Amino acid sequence: MEGKIPLIGDKFPEMKVQTTHGEMTLPRDTKGKWTVLFSHPADFTPVCTTEFIAFQDRWDEFEKLNTKLIGLSIDQVFSHIKWVEWIQEKMNVEIKFPVIADDRGFVAEQLGLVHPGKGTNTVRAVFFIDPDSNIRAMLYYPQELGRNMDEILRVVKAFQVSDKQGVAMPADWPNNNMLEDRVIVPPAKDVETARKRMEEYDNFDWWFCHKPLKK
């Protein structure tokens, strides 16, 4: 069940999937929204349970960013439904996002979610898909390592700012130890623009200019 991992910049492949919210066609049903599609190794496992609760805790923040959360594993939909019910009953958390039941492994094969060196379950992958169905970033974690949900939220926020303002983000943005929440102006591509950049923006050099974040 080893598939080709899509590349950043590729269109998300079209597929019809069964979820806990009914049948969906991706990426058609999420077009116009940002999507965070994340795989987990298995239902009724401790780390995955903490991740689902952590994603749900940030549900409102993702909603404000026009971002849809979609979970996925190779469990059957009946298992997903029961596990989501268990989380609500035992943890008092209602999981509001759909979970894809990829019990035949079709989606995992298309997206390269099963890494043979880490067993037969899906690894913890995260796909960031923009409103035009382009894959903008991917993250992969092994089964034993739970993800940092604040980082996933940060990536969506950063992409939206970058797309709107035509800028890049420094390390740890918006809490960079040099620039704080300031953003980076893309480097000049010709001599004249390089000269002007030194006058137009705060800078360390012509190729390293920065400016305040537009609120």
N, C-alpha and C. Protein backbone atom coordinates (compact mmCIF):
# COMPACT_ATOMS: atom_id res chain seq x y z
N MET A 1 0.83 -1.20 0.00
CA MET A 1 0.00 0.00 0.00
C MET A 1 0.87 1.25 0.00
N GLU A 2 1.89 1.23 -0.81
CA GLU A 2 2.81 2.35 -0.87
C GLU A 2 2.46 3.22 -2.06
N GLY A 3 2.15 4.48 -1.83
CA GLY A 3 1.74 5.34 -2.92
C GLY A 3 2.73 6.47 -3.14
N LYS A 4 2.56 7.15 -4.24
CA LYS A 4 3.39 8.31 -4.54
C LYS A 4 2.90 9.47 -3.69
N ILE A 5 3.80 10.07 -2.96
CA ILE A 5 3.44 11.22 -2.15
C ILE A 5 3.30 12.44 -3.06
N PRO A 6 2.14 13.11 -3.05
CA PRO A 6 1.98 14.32 -3.87
C PRO A 6 3.00 15.38 -3.47
N LEU A 7 3.28 16.27 -4.37
CA LEU A 7 4.25 17.32 -4.12
C LEU A 7 3.56 18.64 -3.78
N ILE A 8 4.26 19.47 -3.05
CA ILE A 8 3.76 20.81 -2.77
C ILE A 8 3.56 21.54 -4.10
N GLY A 9 2.39 22.14 -4.25
CA GLY A 9 2.05 22.82 -5.50
C GLY A 9 1.16 21.99 -6.40
N ASP A 10 1.06 20.68 -6.13
CA ASP A 10 0.16 19.82 -6.91
C ASP A 10 -1.29 20.10 -6.54
N LYS A 11 -2.19 19.82 -7.47
CA LYS A 11 -3.61 19.82 -7.14
C LYS A 11 -3.91 18.60 -6.29
N PHE A 12 -4.78 18.76 -5.31
CA PHE A 12 -5.18 17.60 -4.53
C PHE A 12 -5.97 16.66 -5.42
N PRO A 13 -5.65 15.37 -5.43
CA PRO A 13 -6.32 14.45 -6.35
C PRO A 13 -7.80 14.28 -6.03
N GLU A 14 -8.62 14.17 -7.06
CA GLU A 14 -10.06 14.01 -6.85
C GLU A 14 -10.36 12.60 -6.36
N MET A 15 -11.22 12.50 -5.36
CA MET A 15 -11.59 11.20 -4.81
C MET A 15 -12.92 11.29 -4.09
N LYS A 16 -13.66 10.21 -4.16
CA LYS A 16 -14.93 10.11 -3.44
C LYS A 16 -14.68 9.31 -2.17
N VAL A 17 -15.10 9.83 -1.04
CA VAL A 17 -14.79 9.19 0.24
C VAL A 17 -16.03 9.08 1.12
N GLN A 18 -16.01 8.06 1.98
CA GLN A 18 -17.06 7.89 2.98
C GLN A 18 -16.57 8.48 4.30
N THR A 19 -17.38 9.32 4.90
CA THR A 19 -16.98 9.94 6.17
C THR A 19 -18.09 9.78 7.20
N THR A 20 -17.79 10.16 8.40
CA THR A 20 -18.78 10.13 9.48
C THR A 20 -19.89 11.15 9.25
N HIS A 21 -19.70 12.06 8.31
CA HIS A 21 -20.74 13.04 7.95
C HIS A 21 -21.37 12.71 6.60
N GLY A 22 -21.14 11.49 6.12
CA GLY A 22 -21.70 11.09 4.83
C GLY A 22 -20.65 11.09 3.74
N GLU A 23 -21.08 10.82 2.53
CA GLU A 23 -20.16 10.76 1.40
C GLU A 23 -19.70 12.17 0.99
N MET A 24 -18.42 12.29 0.65
CA MET A 24 -17.87 13.55 0.19
C MET A 24 -17.05 13.30 -1.07
N THR A 25 -16.96 14.32 -1.92
CA THR A 25 -16.05 14.28 -3.05
C THR A 25 -15.01 15.36 -2.84
N LEU A 26 -13.77 14.94 -2.72
CA LEU A 26 -12.66 15.87 -2.50
C LEU A 26 -11.91 16.05 -3.81
N PRO A 27 -11.40 17.26 -4.08
CA PRO A 27 -11.53 18.46 -3.24
C PRO A 27 -12.76 19.31 -3.56
N ARG A 28 -13.65 18.80 -4.40
CA ARG A 28 -14.79 19.61 -4.85
C ARG A 28 -15.61 20.16 -3.69
N ASP A 29 -15.86 19.31 -2.68
CA ASP A 29 -16.74 19.72 -1.59
C ASP A 29 -16.11 20.71 -0.62
N THR A 30 -14.83 20.96 -0.77
CA THR A 30 -14.16 21.93 0.10
C THR A 30 -13.62 23.12 -0.69
N LYS A 31 -13.91 23.18 -1.98
CA LYS A 31 -13.41 24.29 -2.81
C LYS A 31 -13.91 25.62 -2.25
N GLY A 32 -13.04 26.61 -2.21
CA GLY A 32 -13.40 27.90 -1.65
C GLY A 32 -13.04 28.03 -0.18
N LYS A 33 -12.62 26.92 0.42
CA LYS A 33 -12.19 26.91 1.81
C LYS A 33 -10.75 26.39 1.89
N TRP A 34 -10.07 26.75 2.94
CA TRP A 34 -8.84 26.06 3.28
C TRP A 34 -9.22 24.73 3.92
N THR A 35 -8.40 23.72 3.73
CA THR A 35 -8.66 22.41 4.30
C THR A 35 -7.40 21.89 4.98
N VAL A 36 -7.57 21.38 6.19
CA VAL A 36 -6.50 20.64 6.87
C VAL A 36 -6.96 19.19 6.93
N LEU A 37 -6.36 18.35 6.09
CA LEU A 37 -6.67 16.93 6.06
C LEU A 37 -5.57 16.21 6.83
N PHE A 38 -5.95 15.49 7.86
CA PHE A 38 -4.94 14.84 8.70
C PHE A 38 -5.27 13.37 8.92
N SER A 39 -4.27 12.53 8.75
CA SER A 39 -4.45 11.10 8.99
C SER A 39 -3.99 10.75 10.40
N HIS A 40 -4.60 9.70 10.95
CA HIS A 40 -4.16 9.17 12.24
C HIS A 40 -4.04 7.66 12.11
N PRO A 41 -3.20 7.02 12.92
CA PRO A 41 -2.96 5.59 12.77
C PRO A 41 -4.18 4.70 13.00
N ALA A 42 -4.95 4.98 14.06
CA ALA A 42 -6.07 4.08 14.36
C ALA A 42 -7.00 4.69 15.39
N ASP A 43 -8.27 4.31 15.31
CA ASP A 43 -9.25 4.69 16.32
C ASP A 43 -8.95 3.98 17.65
N PHE A 44 -9.51 4.49 18.71
CA PHE A 44 -9.37 3.88 20.04
C PHE A 44 -7.92 3.66 20.44
N THR A 45 -7.09 4.68 20.15
CA THR A 45 -5.70 4.67 20.59
C THR A 45 -5.44 5.97 21.34
N PRO A 46 -4.57 5.93 22.36
CA PRO A 46 -4.40 7.09 23.24
C PRO A 46 -3.93 8.37 22.56
N VAL A 47 -2.84 8.29 21.78
CA VAL A 47 -2.30 9.50 21.18
C VAL A 47 -3.31 10.12 20.20
N CYS A 48 -3.95 9.27 19.40
CA CYS A 48 -4.93 9.77 18.43
C CYS A 48 -6.11 10.44 19.14
N THR A 49 -6.50 9.88 20.27
CA THR A 49 -7.60 10.46 21.03
C THR A 49 -7.24 11.86 21.51
N THR A 50 -6.01 12.02 22.01
CA THR A 50 -5.59 13.36 22.47
C THR A 50 -5.53 14.33 21.29
N GLU A 51 -5.14 13.84 20.12
CA GLU A 51 -5.07 14.72 18.95
C GLU A 51 -6.47 15.17 18.51
N PHE A 52 -7.42 14.25 18.49
CA PHE A 52 -8.77 14.63 18.08
C PHE A 52 -9.35 15.67 19.03
N ILE A 53 -9.13 15.49 20.30
CA ILE A 53 -9.63 16.46 21.28
C ILE A 53 -8.93 17.80 21.09
N ALA A 54 -7.62 17.77 20.83
CA ALA A 54 -6.87 19.01 20.62
C ALA A 54 -7.33 19.74 19.35
N PHE A 55 -7.60 19.00 18.28
CA PHE A 55 -8.14 19.63 17.07
C PHE A 55 -9.50 20.26 17.37
N GLN A 56 -10.35 19.53 18.07
CA GLN A 56 -11.68 20.05 18.37
C GLN A 56 -11.61 21.28 19.27
N ASP A 57 -10.64 21.31 20.19
CA ASP A 57 -10.47 22.48 21.06
C ASP A 57 -10.20 23.75 20.26
N ARG A 58 -9.64 23.58 19.06
CA ARG A 58 -9.31 24.73 18.22
C ARG A 58 -10.28 24.88 17.05
N TRP A 59 -11.38 24.18 17.11
CA TRP A 59 -12.39 24.19 16.05
C TRP A 59 -12.81 25.62 15.69
N ASP A 60 -13.14 26.43 16.71
CA ASP A 60 -13.61 27.79 16.45
C ASP A 60 -12.54 28.63 15.76
N GLU A 61 -11.28 28.42 16.13
CA GLU A 61 -10.20 29.19 15.50
C GLU A 61 -10.04 28.81 14.03
N PHE A 62 -10.14 27.52 13.73
CA PHE A 62 -10.08 27.10 12.32
C PHE A 62 -11.27 27.63 11.54
N GLU A 63 -12.45 27.63 12.17
CA GLU A 63 -13.64 28.14 11.51
C GLU A 63 -13.48 29.61 11.14
N LYS A 64 -12.90 30.40 12.04
CA LYS A 64 -12.67 31.82 11.77
C LYS A 64 -11.72 32.03 10.60
N LEU A 65 -10.89 31.04 10.35
CA LEU A 65 -9.94 31.12 9.24
C LEU A 65 -10.49 30.46 7.98
N ASN A 66 -11.81 30.19 7.96
CA ASN A 66 -12.46 29.56 6.81
C ASN A 66 -11.77 28.25 6.45
N THR A 67 -11.46 27.47 7.47
CA THR A 67 -10.70 26.24 7.30
C THR A 67 -11.48 25.04 7.80
N LYS A 68 -11.56 24.02 6.95
CA LYS A 68 -12.27 22.79 7.28
C LYS A 68 -11.28 21.73 7.74
N LEU A 69 -11.59 21.09 8.85
CA LEU A 69 -10.80 19.97 9.34
C LEU A 69 -11.42 18.66 8.84
N ILE A 70 -10.56 17.75 8.40
CA ILE A 70 -11.02 16.42 7.99
C ILE A 70 -10.01 15.39 8.49
N GLY A 71 -10.49 14.43 9.29
CA GLY A 71 -9.63 13.36 9.77
C GLY A 71 -9.68 12.16 8.83
N LEU A 72 -8.76 11.21 9.03
CA LEU A 72 -8.71 10.03 8.17
C LEU A 72 -7.91 8.92 8.83
N SER A 73 -8.40 7.68 8.72
CA SER A 73 -7.59 6.50 9.00
C SER A 73 -8.16 5.35 8.21
N ILE A 74 -7.50 4.19 8.26
CA ILE A 74 -7.96 3.05 7.48
C ILE A 74 -8.94 2.18 8.28
N ASP A 75 -9.52 2.74 9.33
CA ASP A 75 -10.59 2.07 10.06
C ASP A 75 -11.90 2.18 9.27
N GLN A 76 -12.86 1.31 9.61
CA GLN A 76 -14.18 1.39 9.00
C GLN A 76 -14.99 2.52 9.62
N VAL A 77 -16.01 2.98 8.90
CA VAL A 77 -16.81 4.10 9.38
C VAL A 77 -17.51 3.75 10.69
N PHE A 78 -17.86 2.47 10.89
CA PHE A 78 -18.52 2.06 12.13
C PHE A 78 -17.60 2.29 13.33
N SER A 79 -16.31 2.02 13.12
CA SER A 79 -15.33 2.25 14.18
C SER A 79 -15.19 3.74 14.47
N HIS A 80 -15.13 4.55 13.41
CA HIS A 80 -15.06 6.00 13.58
C HIS A 80 -16.25 6.51 14.40
N ILE A 81 -17.44 6.07 14.02
CA ILE A 81 -18.66 6.54 14.69
C ILE A 81 -18.62 6.19 16.17
N LYS A 82 -18.25 4.95 16.47
CA LYS A 82 -18.21 4.51 17.87
C LYS A 82 -17.14 5.26 18.66
N TRP A 83 -15.99 5.47 18.03
CA TRP A 83 -14.91 6.18 18.73
C TRP A 83 -15.29 7.62 19.00
N VAL A 84 -15.89 8.30 18.02
CA VAL A 84 -16.35 9.67 18.22
C VAL A 84 -17.40 9.73 19.33
N GLU A 85 -18.28 8.74 19.36
CA GLU A 85 -19.27 8.67 20.45
C GLU A 85 -18.58 8.49 21.80
N TRP A 86 -17.56 7.65 21.84
CA TRP A 86 -16.80 7.40 23.08
C TRP A 86 -16.16 8.69 23.57
N ILE A 87 -15.57 9.45 22.65
CA ILE A 87 -14.92 10.71 23.04
C ILE A 87 -15.94 11.66 23.65
N GLN A 88 -17.14 11.71 23.07
CA GLN A 88 -18.17 12.60 23.62
C GLN A 88 -18.66 12.10 24.99
N GLU A 89 -18.86 10.80 25.10
CA GLU A 89 -19.38 10.23 26.35
C GLU A 89 -18.36 10.29 27.49
N LYS A 90 -17.11 9.94 27.20
CA LYS A 90 -16.09 9.81 28.23
C LYS A 90 -15.31 11.11 28.47
N MET A 91 -15.12 11.89 27.41
CA MET A 91 -14.29 13.09 27.51
C MET A 91 -15.11 14.37 27.41
N ASN A 92 -16.40 14.23 27.17
CA ASN A 92 -17.31 15.36 27.06
C ASN A 92 -16.87 16.34 25.97
N VAL A 93 -16.40 15.78 24.86
CA VAL A 93 -15.97 16.58 23.71
C VAL A 93 -16.70 16.08 22.47
N GLU A 94 -17.42 16.97 21.81
CA GLU A 94 -18.12 16.62 20.58
C GLU A 94 -17.21 16.89 19.38
N ILE A 95 -16.88 15.85 18.64
CA ILE A 95 -16.05 15.99 17.44
C ILE A 95 -16.94 16.47 16.30
N LYS A 96 -16.70 17.69 15.83
CA LYS A 96 -17.58 18.31 14.84
C LYS A 96 -17.09 18.14 13.40
N PHE A 97 -15.86 17.68 13.23
CA PHE A 97 -15.32 17.54 11.88
C PHE A 97 -15.53 16.11 11.38
N PRO A 98 -15.62 15.92 10.05
CA PRO A 98 -15.80 14.58 9.49
C PRO A 98 -14.52 13.77 9.56
N VAL A 99 -14.68 12.45 9.59
CA VAL A 99 -13.53 11.54 9.61
C VAL A 99 -13.70 10.55 8.45
N ILE A 100 -12.74 10.51 7.56
CA ILE A 100 -12.80 9.61 6.40
C ILE A 100 -12.51 8.18 6.83
N ALA A 101 -13.36 7.26 6.37
CA ALA A 101 -13.14 5.83 6.61
C ALA A 101 -12.48 5.23 5.37
N ASP A 102 -11.18 5.07 5.43
CA ASP A 102 -10.41 4.59 4.29
C ASP A 102 -10.06 3.11 4.49
N ASP A 103 -11.07 2.30 4.80
CA ASP A 103 -10.81 0.91 5.19
C ASP A 103 -10.21 0.07 4.06
N ARG A 104 -10.36 0.49 2.81
CA ARG A 104 -9.73 -0.22 1.70
C ARG A 104 -8.37 0.36 1.33
N GLY A 105 -8.00 1.43 2.00
CA GLY A 105 -6.68 2.00 1.78
C GLY A 105 -6.52 2.80 0.50
N PHE A 106 -7.63 3.15 -0.15
CA PHE A 106 -7.55 3.86 -1.42
C PHE A 106 -6.92 5.24 -1.25
N VAL A 107 -7.39 5.98 -0.25
CA VAL A 107 -6.86 7.33 -0.04
C VAL A 107 -5.41 7.26 0.43
N ALA A 108 -5.12 6.34 1.35
CA ALA A 108 -3.76 6.19 1.85
C ALA A 108 -2.78 5.89 0.72
N GLU A 109 -3.21 5.07 -0.23
CA GLU A 109 -2.34 4.74 -1.36
C GLU A 109 -2.13 5.95 -2.26
N GLN A 110 -3.21 6.72 -2.50
CA GLN A 110 -3.11 7.90 -3.36
C GLN A 110 -2.19 8.96 -2.77
N LEU A 111 -2.22 9.10 -1.44
CA LEU A 111 -1.50 10.19 -0.79
C LEU A 111 -0.18 9.75 -0.15
N GLY A 112 0.13 8.46 -0.20
CA GLY A 112 1.38 8.00 0.39
C GLY A 112 1.38 8.07 1.90
N LEU A 113 0.28 7.64 2.52
CA LEU A 113 0.14 7.78 3.98
C LEU A 113 0.65 6.58 4.76
N VAL A 114 0.88 5.46 4.07
CA VAL A 114 1.43 4.28 4.74
C VAL A 114 2.91 4.18 4.39
N HIS A 115 3.75 4.26 5.41
CA HIS A 115 5.19 4.17 5.22
C HIS A 115 5.64 2.82 5.75
N PRO A 116 5.99 1.89 4.88
CA PRO A 116 6.27 0.52 5.27
C PRO A 116 7.23 0.36 6.44
N GLY A 117 8.19 1.26 6.54
CA GLY A 117 9.14 1.18 7.65
C GLY A 117 8.52 1.49 8.99
N LYS A 118 7.28 2.02 8.98
CA LYS A 118 6.56 2.34 10.22
C LYS A 118 5.28 1.53 10.34
N GLY A 119 5.22 0.38 9.69
CA GLY A 119 4.08 -0.50 9.85
C GLY A 119 3.03 -0.34 8.78
N THR A 120 1.84 -0.91 9.03
CA THR A 120 0.77 -0.93 8.03
C THR A 120 -0.31 0.10 8.29
N ASN A 121 -0.24 0.82 9.40
CA ASN A 121 -1.21 1.89 9.66
C ASN A 121 -0.72 3.19 9.02
N THR A 122 -1.65 4.12 8.84
CA THR A 122 -1.26 5.43 8.31
C THR A 122 -0.41 6.17 9.33
N VAL A 123 0.60 6.87 8.84
CA VAL A 123 1.37 7.75 9.72
C VAL A 123 0.55 9.01 9.99
N ARG A 124 1.06 9.90 10.82
CA ARG A 124 0.34 11.14 11.12
C ARG A 124 0.71 12.20 10.09
N ALA A 125 0.00 12.21 8.99
CA ALA A 125 0.25 13.19 7.92
C ALA A 125 -0.72 14.35 8.05
N VAL A 126 -0.29 15.52 7.60
CA VAL A 126 -1.15 16.70 7.54
C VAL A 126 -0.98 17.34 6.16
N PHE A 127 -2.09 17.52 5.46
CA PHE A 127 -2.09 18.21 4.17
C PHE A 127 -2.81 19.55 4.33
N PHE A 128 -2.15 20.62 3.90
CA PHE A 128 -2.74 21.95 3.89
C PHE A 128 -3.16 22.25 2.45
N ILE A 129 -4.46 22.39 2.24
CA ILE A 129 -5.01 22.55 0.90
C ILE A 129 -5.71 23.91 0.81
N ASP A 130 -5.36 24.71 -0.19
CA ASP A 130 -5.91 26.06 -0.26
C ASP A 130 -7.28 26.07 -0.96
N PRO A 131 -7.95 27.21 -1.01
CA PRO A 131 -9.29 27.27 -1.61
C PRO A 131 -9.36 26.89 -3.08
N ASP A 132 -8.21 26.89 -3.77
CA ASP A 132 -8.16 26.49 -5.17
C ASP A 132 -7.72 25.03 -5.33
N SER A 133 -7.72 24.30 -4.23
CA SER A 133 -7.42 22.86 -4.21
C SER A 133 -5.94 22.54 -4.43
N ASN A 134 -5.06 23.51 -4.20
CA ASN A 134 -3.62 23.27 -4.30
C ASN A 134 -3.07 22.80 -2.97
N ILE A 135 -2.18 21.82 -3.00
CA ILE A 135 -1.49 21.39 -1.79
C ILE A 135 -0.38 22.39 -1.50
N ARG A 136 -0.48 23.06 -0.37
CA ARG A 136 0.47 24.13 -0.05
C ARG A 136 1.58 23.67 0.91
N ALA A 137 1.31 22.67 1.72
CA ALA A 137 2.32 22.16 2.64
C ALA A 137 1.91 20.78 3.11
N MET A 138 2.89 20.00 3.56
CA MET A 138 2.63 18.68 4.12
C MET A 138 3.54 18.47 5.33
N LEU A 139 3.01 17.82 6.33
CA LEU A 139 3.79 17.46 7.51
C LEU A 139 3.62 15.97 7.75
N TYR A 140 4.68 15.31 8.21
CA TYR A 140 4.60 13.88 8.53
C TYR A 140 5.22 13.61 9.89
N TYR A 141 4.51 12.85 10.69
CA TYR A 141 4.98 12.46 12.01
C TYR A 141 4.80 10.94 12.15
N PRO A 142 5.67 10.27 12.91
CA PRO A 142 5.48 8.84 13.15
C PRO A 142 4.33 8.60 14.13
N GLN A 143 3.91 7.34 14.24
CA GLN A 143 2.77 7.01 15.08
C GLN A 143 2.97 7.39 16.55
N GLU A 144 4.21 7.34 17.02
CA GLU A 144 4.44 7.56 18.46
C GLU A 144 4.49 9.04 18.86
N LEU A 145 4.44 9.93 17.89
CA LEU A 145 4.58 11.36 18.20
C LEU A 145 3.30 12.13 17.87
N GLY A 146 2.64 12.65 18.89
CA GLY A 146 1.46 13.48 18.66
C GLY A 146 1.86 14.84 18.11
N ARG A 147 0.97 15.41 17.33
CA ARG A 147 1.26 16.68 16.65
C ARG A 147 1.00 17.91 17.52
N ASN A 148 1.64 19.01 17.13
CA ASN A 148 1.43 20.30 17.79
C ASN A 148 0.34 21.05 17.02
N MET A 149 -0.86 21.11 17.60
CA MET A 149 -1.99 21.71 16.90
C MET A 149 -1.81 23.21 16.69
N ASP A 150 -1.12 23.87 17.60
CA ASP A 150 -0.89 25.31 17.44
C ASP A 150 -0.01 25.58 16.22
N GLU A 151 0.90 24.67 15.92
CA GLU A 151 1.73 24.83 14.72
C GLU A 151 0.87 24.68 13.46
N ILE A 152 -0.06 23.74 13.48
CA ILE A 152 -0.94 23.55 12.32
C ILE A 152 -1.80 24.79 12.11
N LEU A 153 -2.30 25.34 13.19
CA LEU A 153 -3.09 26.57 13.11
C LEU A 153 -2.23 27.73 12.60
N ARG A 154 -0.99 27.79 13.08
CA ARG A 154 -0.06 28.85 12.67
C ARG A 154 0.22 28.80 11.18
N VAL A 155 0.37 27.59 10.64
CA VAL A 155 0.65 27.44 9.21
C VAL A 155 -0.49 28.01 8.37
N VAL A 156 -1.73 27.71 8.76
CA VAL A 156 -2.88 28.25 8.02
C VAL A 156 -2.89 29.77 8.09
N LYS A 157 -2.69 30.33 9.27
CA LYS A 157 -2.67 31.79 9.43
C LYS A 157 -1.57 32.40 8.57
N ALA A 158 -0.39 31.78 8.59
CA ALA A 158 0.74 32.33 7.84
C ALA A 158 0.49 32.30 6.33
N PHE A 159 -0.09 31.22 5.84
CA PHE A 159 -0.40 31.15 4.41
C PHE A 159 -1.40 32.23 4.01
N GLN A 160 -2.39 32.45 4.84
CA GLN A 160 -3.41 33.44 4.50
C GLN A 160 -2.83 34.84 4.48
N VAL A 161 -1.94 35.15 5.42
CA VAL A 161 -1.28 36.45 5.41
C VAL A 161 -0.35 36.58 4.21
N SER A 162 0.40 35.52 3.94
CA SER A 162 1.34 35.53 2.82
C SER A 162 0.61 35.75 1.49
N ASP A 163 -0.51 35.04 1.31
CA ASP A 163 -1.26 35.18 0.05
C ASP A 163 -1.86 36.58 -0.09
N LYS A 164 -2.33 37.13 1.00
CA LYS A 164 -3.00 38.42 0.95
C LYS A 164 -2.02 39.57 0.80
N GLN A 165 -0.88 39.47 1.45
CA GLN A 165 0.05 40.59 1.49
C GLN A 165 1.31 40.40 0.63
N GLY A 166 1.47 39.20 0.03
CA GLY A 166 2.62 38.96 -0.83
C GLY A 166 3.94 38.99 -0.09
N VAL A 167 3.96 38.39 1.10
CA VAL A 167 5.15 38.43 1.95
C VAL A 167 5.53 37.01 2.38
N ALA A 168 6.68 36.91 3.03
CA ALA A 168 7.13 35.65 3.61
C ALA A 168 7.24 35.80 5.12
N MET A 169 7.27 34.68 5.83
CA MET A 169 7.29 34.70 7.28
C MET A 169 8.63 34.20 7.82
N PRO A 170 9.18 34.88 8.83
CA PRO A 170 10.43 34.41 9.44
C PRO A 170 10.17 33.20 10.34
N ALA A 171 11.22 32.61 10.83
CA ALA A 171 11.11 31.48 11.76
C ALA A 171 10.28 31.87 12.97
N ASP A 172 9.47 30.95 13.42
CA ASP A 172 8.65 31.12 14.62
C ASP A 172 7.63 32.25 14.53
N TRP A 173 7.39 32.77 13.32
CA TRP A 173 6.39 33.83 13.17
C TRP A 173 5.08 33.38 13.80
N PRO A 174 4.39 34.27 14.52
CA PRO A 174 4.60 35.71 14.68
C PRO A 174 5.42 36.09 15.93
N ASN A 175 6.26 35.18 16.39
CA ASN A 175 7.05 35.44 17.59
C ASN A 175 8.54 35.26 17.32
N ASN A 176 8.99 35.78 16.19
CA ASN A 176 10.40 35.67 15.84
C ASN A 176 11.26 36.51 16.78
N ASN A 177 12.39 35.97 17.20
CA ASN A 177 13.21 36.70 18.18
C ASN A 177 13.91 37.92 17.59
N MET A 178 13.95 38.05 16.26
CA MET A 178 14.53 39.23 15.62
C MET A 178 13.45 40.22 15.18
N LEU A 179 12.40 39.71 14.56
CA LEU A 179 11.43 40.57 13.89
C LEU A 179 10.07 40.59 14.57
N GLU A 180 9.87 39.76 15.60
CA GLU A 180 8.57 39.62 16.25
C GLU A 180 7.52 39.24 15.20
N ASP A 181 6.45 40.03 15.01
CA ASP A 181 5.43 39.63 14.04
C ASP A 181 5.57 40.33 12.70
N ARG A 182 6.72 41.01 12.48
CA ARG A 182 6.95 41.65 11.20
C ARG A 182 7.12 40.59 10.11
N VAL A 183 6.91 40.99 8.85
CA VAL A 183 6.98 40.05 7.73
C VAL A 183 8.10 40.45 6.78
N ILE A 184 8.52 39.48 5.98
CA ILE A 184 9.67 39.67 5.11
C ILE A 184 9.22 40.00 3.67
N VAL A 185 9.83 41.02 3.11
CA VAL A 185 9.55 41.42 1.72
C VAL A 185 10.36 40.51 0.79
N PRO A 186 9.74 39.91 -0.22
CA PRO A 186 10.49 39.05 -1.14
C PRO A 186 11.68 39.79 -1.74
N PRO A 187 12.83 39.12 -1.90
CA PRO A 187 14.03 39.77 -2.43
C PRO A 187 13.82 40.34 -3.82
N ALA A 188 14.54 41.41 -4.11
CA ALA A 188 14.48 42.03 -5.44
C ALA A 188 15.11 41.13 -6.48
N LYS A 189 14.64 41.27 -7.73
CA LYS A 189 15.16 40.43 -8.81
C LYS A 189 15.95 41.21 -9.85
N ASP A 190 16.15 42.51 -9.59
CA ASP A 190 16.99 43.29 -10.51
C ASP A 190 17.69 44.38 -9.71
N VAL A 191 18.70 44.98 -10.28
CA VAL A 191 19.55 45.94 -9.58
C VAL A 191 18.77 47.18 -9.14
N GLU A 192 17.93 47.71 -10.01
CA GLU A 192 17.20 48.93 -9.70
C GLU A 192 16.25 48.71 -8.52
N THR A 193 15.54 47.60 -8.54
CA THR A 193 14.62 47.30 -7.44
C THR A 193 15.40 47.08 -6.14
N ALA A 194 16.54 46.42 -6.24
CA ALA A 194 17.38 46.19 -5.06
C ALA A 194 17.79 47.51 -4.42
N ARG A 195 18.15 48.49 -5.24
CA ARG A 195 18.54 49.81 -4.72
C ARG A 195 17.37 50.49 -4.02
N LYS A 196 16.18 50.41 -4.64
CA LYS A 196 15.01 51.05 -4.06
C LYS A 196 14.58 50.40 -2.75
N ARG A 197 14.77 49.10 -2.66
CA ARG A 197 14.36 48.40 -1.45
C ARG A 197 15.05 48.96 -0.20
N MET A 198 16.28 49.38 -0.37
CA MET A 198 17.03 49.92 0.76
C MET A 198 16.40 51.21 1.28
N GLU A 199 15.67 51.90 0.42
CA GLU A 199 15.03 53.16 0.81
C GLU A 199 13.58 52.95 1.26
N GLU A 200 12.95 51.93 0.73
CA GLU A 200 11.51 51.74 0.97
C GLU A 200 11.19 50.97 2.25
N TYR A 201 12.10 50.11 2.67
CA TYR A 201 11.79 49.22 3.79
C TYR A 201 12.89 49.22 4.84
N ASP A 202 12.53 48.83 6.04
CA ASP A 202 13.55 48.50 7.04
C ASP A 202 14.30 47.29 6.52
N ASN A 203 15.61 47.22 6.80
CA ASN A 203 16.37 46.12 6.20
C ASN A 203 17.68 45.87 6.93
N PHE A 204 18.21 44.68 6.69
CA PHE A 204 19.56 44.33 7.10
C PHE A 204 20.48 44.41 5.89
N ASP A 205 19.88 44.32 4.72
CA ASP A 205 20.56 44.45 3.43
C ASP A 205 19.46 44.46 2.37
N TRP A 206 19.81 44.63 1.10
CA TRP A 206 18.78 44.73 0.06
C TRP A 206 17.98 43.44 -0.09
N TRP A 207 18.61 42.32 0.26
CA TRP A 207 17.94 41.03 0.09
C TRP A 207 17.20 40.58 1.36
N PHE A 208 17.28 41.41 2.41
CA PHE A 208 16.66 41.05 3.69
C PHE A 208 15.91 42.27 4.22
N CYS A 209 14.77 42.55 3.57
CA CYS A 209 13.94 43.69 3.96
C CYS A 209 12.69 43.18 4.69
N HIS A 210 12.21 43.99 5.60
CA HIS A 210 11.03 43.59 6.37
C HIS A 210 10.15 44.79 6.64
N LYS A 211 8.91 44.50 7.01
CA LYS A 211 7.95 45.57 7.25
C LYS A 211 6.92 45.11 8.28
N PRO A 212 6.17 46.06 8.84
CA PRO A 212 5.15 45.66 9.82
C PRO A 212 4.06 44.82 9.17
N LEU A 213 3.48 43.94 9.95
CA LEU A 213 2.35 43.14 9.50
C LEU A 213 1.12 44.03 9.40
N LYS A 214 0.42 43.98 8.28
CA LYS A 214 -0.84 44.71 8.15
C LYS A 214 -1.91 43.99 8.96
N LYS A 215 -2.54 44.69 9.85
CA LYS A 215 -3.58 44.08 10.69
C LYS A 215 -4.90 44.03 9.95
